[in-house]
Amino acid sequence: MPKTRVHVGRMSLVLLVTLIMPLIIGGLVDVLTETFPWVTIGFAVVSLPIAAFFVVRQGLAEMNQVIDAHAPAAPADPLPGASLPTQSRQG
């Protein structure tokens, strides 16, 4: 069985870029403009749904890689050579 690993680094990088960095930038803008905590709250409101979307998307992509590596592919025809019974209408 092939060894497949979930790349946590990719998900961490996505989280860093979409959530952590915007919040740090928002905090710095707040401190520089003396509007603390309003800009940080605004950055959080915008970046939280974006981060959730991209982190979940990356997690599902990693899960699909693991499923593709470990789960056997389903056959197109469940029983080769067998046909489904036909129903005749009587009437």
N, C-alpha and C. Protein backbone atom coordinates (compact mmCIF):
# COMPACT_ATOMS: atom_id res chain seq x y z
N MET A 1 0.84 -1.17 0.00
CA MET A 1 0.00 0.00 0.00
C MET A 1 0.90 1.25 0.00
N PRO A 2 0.63 2.20 -0.88
CA PRO A 2 1.50 3.38 -0.94
C PRO A 2 1.35 4.23 0.32
N LYS A 3 2.45 4.85 0.67
CA LYS A 3 2.45 5.71 1.85
C LYS A 3 2.11 7.13 1.41
N THR A 4 1.00 7.64 1.89
CA THR A 4 0.55 8.98 1.54
C THR A 4 0.43 9.78 2.81
N ARG A 5 0.94 10.99 2.76
CA ARG A 5 0.90 11.84 3.94
C ARG A 5 0.13 13.11 3.65
N VAL A 6 -0.51 13.62 4.66
CA VAL A 6 -1.19 14.90 4.56
C VAL A 6 -0.14 15.98 4.77
N HIS A 7 -0.08 16.92 3.84
CA HIS A 7 0.91 17.99 3.92
C HIS A 7 0.36 19.13 4.77
N VAL A 8 0.67 19.08 6.06
CA VAL A 8 0.17 20.09 6.98
C VAL A 8 0.82 21.44 6.69
N GLY A 9 2.01 21.42 6.13
CA GLY A 9 2.70 22.66 5.80
C GLY A 9 1.94 23.49 4.79
N ARG A 10 1.31 22.84 3.82
CA ARG A 10 0.52 23.58 2.82
C ARG A 10 -0.66 24.27 3.48
N MET A 11 -1.35 23.53 4.36
CA MET A 11 -2.50 24.13 5.04
C MET A 11 -2.06 25.25 5.97
N SER A 12 -0.90 25.08 6.62
CA SER A 12 -0.38 26.12 7.49
C SER A 12 0.00 27.36 6.69
N LEU A 13 0.57 27.17 5.52
CA LEU A 13 0.93 28.31 4.67
C LEU A 13 -0.32 29.06 4.22
N VAL A 14 -1.36 28.33 3.85
CA VAL A 14 -2.62 28.96 3.45
C VAL A 14 -3.20 29.74 4.62
N LEU A 15 -3.17 29.16 5.82
CA LEU A 15 -3.67 29.84 7.01
C LEU A 15 -2.85 31.09 7.30
N LEU A 16 -1.54 30.99 7.16
CA LEU A 16 -0.67 32.14 7.42
C LEU A 16 -0.97 33.28 6.47
N VAL A 17 -1.11 32.96 5.19
CA VAL A 17 -1.31 34.01 4.18
C VAL A 17 -2.71 34.61 4.27
N THR A 18 -3.73 33.79 4.56
CA THR A 18 -5.10 34.29 4.50
C THR A 18 -5.64 34.79 5.83
N LEU A 19 -5.00 34.47 6.95
CA LEU A 19 -5.54 34.90 8.24
C LEU A 19 -4.51 35.62 9.10
N ILE A 20 -3.38 35.00 9.34
CA ILE A 20 -2.41 35.55 10.28
C ILE A 20 -1.82 36.86 9.77
N MET A 21 -1.35 36.86 8.53
CA MET A 21 -0.74 38.09 7.99
C MET A 21 -1.73 39.25 7.91
N PRO A 22 -2.97 39.06 7.44
CA PRO A 22 -3.90 40.19 7.44
C PRO A 22 -4.19 40.73 8.84
N LEU A 23 -4.27 39.85 9.84
CA LEU A 23 -4.52 40.33 11.20
C LEU A 23 -3.32 41.10 11.75
N ILE A 24 -2.12 40.66 11.44
CA ILE A 24 -0.93 41.39 11.87
C ILE A 24 -0.88 42.75 11.18
N ILE A 25 -1.15 42.77 9.89
CA ILE A 25 -1.17 44.05 9.16
C ILE A 25 -2.25 44.96 9.72
N GLY A 26 -3.43 44.42 10.00
CA GLY A 26 -4.50 45.22 10.60
C GLY A 26 -4.11 45.78 11.95
N GLY A 27 -3.44 44.98 12.76
CA GLY A 27 -2.97 45.46 14.07
C GLY A 27 -1.95 46.57 13.92
N LEU A 28 -1.03 46.43 12.97
CA LEU A 28 -0.04 47.48 12.74
C LEU A 28 -0.69 48.77 12.25
N VAL A 29 -1.65 48.64 11.33
CA VAL A 29 -2.36 49.83 10.85
C VAL A 29 -3.11 50.49 12.00
N ASP A 30 -3.71 49.69 12.87
CA ASP A 30 -4.41 50.22 14.04
C ASP A 30 -3.48 51.01 14.95
N VAL A 31 -2.33 50.45 15.23
CA VAL A 31 -1.38 51.13 16.12
C VAL A 31 -0.87 52.41 15.48
N LEU A 32 -0.58 52.37 14.19
CA LEU A 32 -0.05 53.56 13.51
C LEU A 32 -1.09 54.67 13.37
N THR A 33 -2.34 54.30 13.18
CA THR A 33 -3.38 55.32 13.00
C THR A 33 -4.16 55.60 14.28
N GLU A 34 -3.80 54.94 15.36
CA GLU A 34 -4.42 55.12 16.67
C GLU A 34 -5.93 54.88 16.63
N THR A 35 -6.35 53.86 15.92
CA THR A 35 -7.77 53.51 15.85
C THR A 35 -8.04 52.15 16.47
N PHE A 36 -7.11 51.67 17.28
CA PHE A 36 -7.20 50.33 17.85
C PHE A 36 -8.52 50.15 18.57
N PRO A 37 -9.27 49.14 18.37
CA PRO A 37 -9.14 47.89 17.64
C PRO A 37 -9.95 47.84 16.36
N TRP A 38 -10.42 48.96 15.84
CA TRP A 38 -11.41 48.94 14.76
C TRP A 38 -10.89 48.39 13.44
N VAL A 39 -9.71 48.74 13.04
CA VAL A 39 -9.18 48.22 11.77
C VAL A 39 -8.89 46.72 11.90
N THR A 40 -8.39 46.30 13.05
CA THR A 40 -8.14 44.87 13.27
C THR A 40 -9.45 44.09 13.20
N ILE A 41 -10.49 44.63 13.79
CA ILE A 41 -11.80 43.96 13.72
C ILE A 41 -12.27 43.88 12.27
N GLY A 42 -12.09 44.95 11.51
CA GLY A 42 -12.47 44.93 10.10
C GLY A 42 -11.68 43.90 9.31
N PHE A 43 -10.37 43.85 9.55
CA PHE A 43 -9.54 42.85 8.86
C PHE A 43 -9.98 41.44 9.25
N ALA A 44 -10.34 41.23 10.52
CA ALA A 44 -10.76 39.91 10.98
C ALA A 44 -12.08 39.50 10.33
N VAL A 45 -13.01 40.45 10.23
CA VAL A 45 -14.31 40.15 9.64
C VAL A 45 -14.16 39.76 8.17
N VAL A 46 -13.23 40.39 7.48
CA VAL A 46 -13.02 40.07 6.07
C VAL A 46 -12.19 38.80 5.90
N SER A 47 -11.13 38.65 6.69
CA SER A 47 -10.20 37.55 6.44
C SER A 47 -10.65 36.21 7.02
N LEU A 48 -11.49 36.19 8.05
CA LEU A 48 -11.92 34.91 8.63
C LEU A 48 -12.69 34.04 7.64
N PRO A 49 -13.71 34.54 6.95
CA PRO A 49 -14.39 33.67 5.98
C PRO A 49 -13.50 33.26 4.82
N ILE A 50 -12.63 34.17 4.39
CA ILE A 50 -11.72 33.84 3.29
C ILE A 50 -10.76 32.74 3.72
N ALA A 51 -10.20 32.87 4.93
CA ALA A 51 -9.28 31.85 5.44
C ALA A 51 -10.00 30.52 5.62
N ALA A 52 -11.21 30.55 6.15
CA ALA A 52 -11.96 29.31 6.34
C ALA A 52 -12.18 28.60 5.01
N PHE A 53 -12.56 29.35 3.98
CA PHE A 53 -12.80 28.77 2.66
C PHE A 53 -11.54 28.11 2.12
N PHE A 54 -10.42 28.83 2.14
CA PHE A 54 -9.20 28.30 1.53
C PHE A 54 -8.57 27.18 2.34
N VAL A 55 -8.64 27.24 3.67
CA VAL A 55 -8.07 26.16 4.49
C VAL A 55 -8.90 24.89 4.33
N VAL A 56 -10.22 25.01 4.32
CA VAL A 56 -11.07 23.83 4.12
C VAL A 56 -10.86 23.26 2.72
N ARG A 57 -10.73 24.13 1.73
CA ARG A 57 -10.49 23.66 0.36
C ARG A 57 -9.17 22.89 0.28
N GLN A 58 -8.13 23.41 0.93
CA GLN A 58 -6.83 22.73 0.93
C GLN A 58 -6.92 21.41 1.69
N GLY A 59 -7.64 21.39 2.80
CA GLY A 59 -7.81 20.16 3.56
C GLY A 59 -8.54 19.09 2.76
N LEU A 60 -9.58 19.49 2.03
CA LEU A 60 -10.30 18.53 1.19
C LEU A 60 -9.43 18.02 0.04
N ALA A 61 -8.59 18.88 -0.50
CA ALA A 61 -7.67 18.44 -1.56
C ALA A 61 -6.69 17.40 -1.01
N GLU A 62 -6.18 17.64 0.20
CA GLU A 62 -5.27 16.67 0.81
C GLU A 62 -6.00 15.35 1.09
N MET A 63 -7.24 15.44 1.56
CA MET A 63 -8.02 14.24 1.83
C MET A 63 -8.28 13.45 0.55
N ASN A 64 -8.55 14.14 -0.54
CA ASN A 64 -8.76 13.46 -1.82
C ASN A 64 -7.51 12.72 -2.28
N GLN A 65 -6.33 13.29 -2.02
CA GLN A 65 -5.09 12.61 -2.38
C GLN A 65 -4.94 11.31 -1.58
N VAL A 66 -5.27 11.36 -0.30
CA VAL A 66 -5.17 10.16 0.53
C VAL A 66 -6.19 9.11 0.08
N ILE A 67 -7.41 9.55 -0.21
CA ILE A 67 -8.45 8.62 -0.67
C ILE A 67 -8.05 7.99 -2.00
N ASP A 68 -7.53 8.79 -2.93
CA ASP A 68 -7.10 8.25 -4.22
C ASP A 68 -5.98 7.24 -4.07
N ALA A 69 -5.10 7.44 -3.09
CA ALA A 69 -3.98 6.53 -2.91
C ALA A 69 -4.37 5.24 -2.21
N HIS A 70 -5.36 5.29 -1.33
CA HIS A 70 -5.65 4.14 -0.49
C HIS A 70 -6.96 3.42 -0.81
N ALA A 71 -7.90 4.08 -1.42
CA ALA A 71 -9.18 3.44 -1.71
C ALA A 71 -9.16 2.88 -3.12
N PRO A 72 -9.58 1.65 -3.29
CA PRO A 72 -9.60 1.10 -4.64
C PRO A 72 -10.69 1.78 -5.47
N ALA A 73 -10.42 1.88 -6.74
CA ALA A 73 -11.39 2.50 -7.64
C ALA A 73 -12.57 1.56 -7.82
N ALA A 74 -13.75 2.11 -7.83
CA ALA A 74 -14.95 1.31 -8.02
C ALA A 74 -15.05 0.92 -9.49
N PRO A 75 -15.38 -0.33 -9.76
CA PRO A 75 -15.51 -0.74 -11.16
C PRO A 75 -16.72 -0.07 -11.80
N ALA A 76 -16.62 0.15 -13.09
CA ALA A 76 -17.73 0.78 -13.82
C ALA A 76 -18.93 -0.16 -13.87
N ASP A 77 -18.67 -1.45 -14.08
CA ASP A 77 -19.73 -2.45 -14.13
C ASP A 77 -19.56 -3.36 -12.91
N PRO A 78 -20.55 -3.42 -12.00
CA PRO A 78 -20.35 -4.20 -10.78
C PRO A 78 -20.08 -5.68 -11.03
N LEU A 79 -20.75 -6.28 -11.99
CA LEU A 79 -20.51 -7.68 -12.33
C LEU A 79 -20.29 -7.77 -13.84
N PRO A 80 -19.06 -7.95 -14.27
CA PRO A 80 -18.81 -8.03 -15.71
C PRO A 80 -19.59 -9.19 -16.33
N GLY A 81 -20.23 -8.93 -17.44
CA GLY A 81 -20.98 -9.95 -18.14
C GLY A 81 -22.41 -10.10 -17.66
N ALA A 82 -22.74 -9.55 -16.52
CA ALA A 82 -24.11 -9.67 -16.01
C ALA A 82 -24.92 -8.47 -16.48
N SER A 83 -26.17 -8.75 -16.76
CA SER A 83 -27.05 -7.65 -17.16
C SER A 83 -28.17 -7.54 -16.14
N LEU A 84 -28.75 -6.37 -16.08
CA LEU A 84 -29.85 -6.15 -15.16
C LEU A 84 -31.12 -6.80 -15.71
N PRO A 85 -31.95 -7.34 -14.84
CA PRO A 85 -33.20 -7.95 -15.33
C PRO A 85 -34.13 -6.87 -15.88
N THR A 86 -34.82 -7.24 -16.92
CA THR A 86 -35.76 -6.31 -17.52
C THR A 86 -37.16 -6.64 -17.03
N GLN A 87 -37.95 -5.62 -16.89
CA GLN A 87 -39.33 -5.82 -16.44
C GLN A 87 -40.25 -5.78 -17.65
N SER A 88 -41.15 -6.73 -17.71
CA SER A 88 -42.12 -6.72 -18.80
C SER A 88 -43.44 -6.19 -18.27
N ARG A 89 -44.08 -5.42 -19.08
CA ARG A 89 -45.37 -4.85 -18.68
C ARG A 89 -46.49 -5.78 -19.14
N GLN A 90 -47.33 -6.08 -18.22
CA GLN A 90 -48.48 -6.91 -18.56
C GLN A 90 -49.74 -6.07 -18.42
N GLY A 91 -50.56 -6.19 -19.38
CA GLY A 91 -51.64 -5.52 -19.31
C GLY A 91 -52.81 -4.95 -19.39
